[in-house]
Amino acid sequence: MVATSLDAERTYDDERFSAQTIHETDEQKVVLGYFEPGQFIPVHSPDSAVAITVVSGSGTVRDGSDEHDVGPGDVVAVPTGEARGIRAEGERLEATLVTAPPPTDAEHDPVRRGLREGTFDPA
């Protein structure tokens, strides 16, 4: 069992979002995400599903071609293979991200490219 808290894991980075992996197996990955205003996880379409729960702050979650404004308590579930991304809007954003199964390193190439280029949707 993994036992921690958002407070215990909280880390912000001025350059890019901070992702603290708190649990990972071949079947599932649980990450606590910390975003300064304007920071994001670029849109990508891995062969895994994700459930994003916003704990605090506000932002936008891409789900396929739809964008959802989100705030504390909102949950967005994006199915396997659908485009997804998350961006903090106007204030810090904290969220849990649960993927099943975890995306492969190759599936995160668009994420790395988007972060390098500063582009939310690097497609």
Protein backbone atom coordinates (compact mmCIF):
# COMPACT_ATOMS: atom_id res chain seq x y z
CA MET A 1 0.00 0.00 0.00
CA VAL A 2 1.16 3.51 -0.80
CA ALA A 3 0.20 6.18 1.69
CA THR A 4 1.07 9.81 1.10
CA SER A 5 -0.64 13.15 0.63
CA LEU A 6 -0.71 16.01 -1.82
CA ASP A 7 0.95 18.15 0.84
CA ALA A 8 3.79 15.66 1.39
CA GLU A 9 4.53 15.31 -2.33
CA ARG A 10 3.97 18.94 -3.39
CA THR A 11 6.77 20.22 -5.60
CA TYR A 12 6.53 23.06 -8.09
CA ASP A 13 8.97 23.82 -10.88
CA ASP A 14 9.26 27.23 -12.56
CA GLU A 15 10.10 25.64 -15.93
CA ARG A 16 7.45 22.91 -16.34
CA PHE A 17 4.76 20.98 -14.50
CA SER A 18 5.90 18.69 -11.69
CA ALA A 19 4.79 15.04 -11.73
CA GLN A 20 5.31 12.95 -8.62
CA THR A 21 4.77 9.25 -9.32
CA ILE A 22 3.43 7.66 -6.15
CA HIS A 23 2.60 4.19 -7.51
CA GLU A 24 3.41 2.28 -10.69
CA THR A 25 2.86 -1.28 -11.86
CA ASP A 26 2.49 -2.85 -15.31
CA GLU A 27 -1.27 -2.23 -15.00
CA GLN A 28 -1.51 1.26 -13.49
CA LYS A 29 0.36 4.47 -12.75
CA VAL A 30 -0.70 7.09 -10.19
CA VAL A 31 0.81 10.57 -10.46
CA LEU A 32 0.27 13.75 -8.48
CA GLY A 33 0.54 16.71 -10.84
CA TYR A 34 1.48 20.23 -9.77
CA PHE A 35 1.15 23.03 -12.33
CA GLU A 36 2.02 26.71 -12.13
CA PRO A 37 -0.35 28.97 -14.12
CA GLY A 38 0.06 28.31 -17.84
CA GLN A 39 1.99 25.05 -17.39
CA PHE A 40 0.66 21.93 -19.10
CA ILE A 41 1.00 18.33 -20.13
CA PRO A 42 0.91 18.50 -23.93
CA VAL A 43 -1.81 16.72 -25.87
CA HIS A 44 -0.90 13.13 -26.72
CA SER A 45 -2.83 9.92 -27.54
CA PRO A 46 -1.34 6.89 -25.78
CA ASP A 47 -2.84 3.41 -25.68
CA SER A 48 -4.01 3.88 -22.11
CA ALA A 49 -6.97 5.39 -20.32
CA VAL A 50 -6.58 8.22 -17.82
CA ALA A 51 -8.73 9.59 -15.01
CA ILE A 52 -7.85 13.14 -13.93
CA THR A 53 -9.22 14.48 -10.64
CA VAL A 54 -8.67 18.17 -9.96
CA VAL A 55 -7.92 18.77 -6.30
CA SER A 56 -7.31 22.52 -6.38
CA GLY A 57 -6.98 25.33 -8.88
CA SER A 58 -8.49 25.61 -12.33
CA GLY A 59 -7.58 24.61 -15.83
CA THR A 60 -8.49 22.94 -19.08
CA VAL A 61 -8.51 19.24 -19.87
CA ARG A 62 -8.49 18.05 -23.49
CA ASP A 63 -10.60 14.94 -24.07
CA GLY A 64 -10.44 13.96 -27.74
CA SER A 65 -11.55 17.08 -29.61
CA ASP A 66 -13.39 18.51 -26.57
CA GLU A 67 -11.93 20.87 -23.99
CA HIS A 68 -13.37 21.00 -20.48
CA ASP A 69 -12.91 23.83 -18.00
CA VAL A 70 -12.15 22.14 -14.68
CA GLY A 71 -11.92 23.08 -11.04
CA PRO A 72 -11.74 21.45 -7.63
CA GLY A 73 -13.67 18.19 -7.47
CA ASP A 74 -14.00 17.76 -11.24
CA VAL A 75 -13.12 14.38 -12.73
CA VAL A 76 -12.44 13.75 -16.42
CA ALA A 77 -11.94 10.21 -17.73
CA VAL A 78 -10.37 9.91 -21.18
CA PRO A 79 -10.54 6.52 -22.93
CA THR A 80 -7.63 4.63 -24.43
CA GLY A 81 -6.23 6.18 -27.61
CA GLU A 82 -8.04 9.53 -27.26
CA ALA A 83 -6.08 12.77 -27.37
CA ARG A 84 -5.58 14.25 -23.92
CA GLY A 85 -3.74 17.01 -22.15
CA ILE A 86 -4.13 19.31 -19.15
CA ARG A 87 -3.24 22.99 -18.66
CA ALA A 88 -3.43 25.25 -15.58
CA GLU A 89 -5.36 28.46 -16.19
CA GLY A 90 -4.76 31.57 -14.09
CA GLU A 91 -3.74 29.83 -10.86
CA ARG A 92 -1.86 26.82 -9.58
CA LEU A 93 -3.49 23.49 -10.36
CA GLU A 94 -3.10 20.25 -8.43
CA ALA A 95 -4.52 16.98 -9.74
CA THR A 96 -4.25 13.23 -9.54
CA LEU A 97 -3.72 11.38 -12.82
CA VAL A 98 -4.33 7.64 -12.94
CA THR A 99 -3.39 5.84 -16.16
CA ALA A 100 -4.10 2.22 -17.02
CA PRO A 101 -1.89 0.79 -18.31
CA PRO A 102 0.97 3.30 -18.00
CA PRO A 103 1.93 4.91 -21.33
CA THR A 104 5.16 3.72 -22.89
CA ASP A 105 8.21 5.92 -23.19
CA ALA A 106 7.64 6.18 -26.97
CA GLU A 107 4.02 7.27 -26.41
CA HIS A 108 5.36 10.22 -24.42
CA ASP A 109 7.40 11.57 -27.36
CA PRO A 110 4.67 14.16 -28.16
CA VAL A 111 4.76 15.25 -24.51
CA ARG A 112 8.50 15.81 -24.61
CA ARG A 113 8.22 17.63 -27.97
CA GLY A 114 5.40 19.86 -26.72
CA LEU A 115 7.34 20.76 -23.57
CA ARG A 116 10.48 21.48 -25.59
CA GLU A 117 8.52 23.68 -28.03
CA GLY A 118 6.22 25.21 -25.39
CA THR A 119 3.17 23.94 -27.30
CA PHE A 120 0.05 22.52 -25.62
CA ASP A 121 -1.07 20.72 -28.81
CA PRO A 122 2.09 19.68 -30.69
CA ALA A 123 0.19 17.67 -33.36
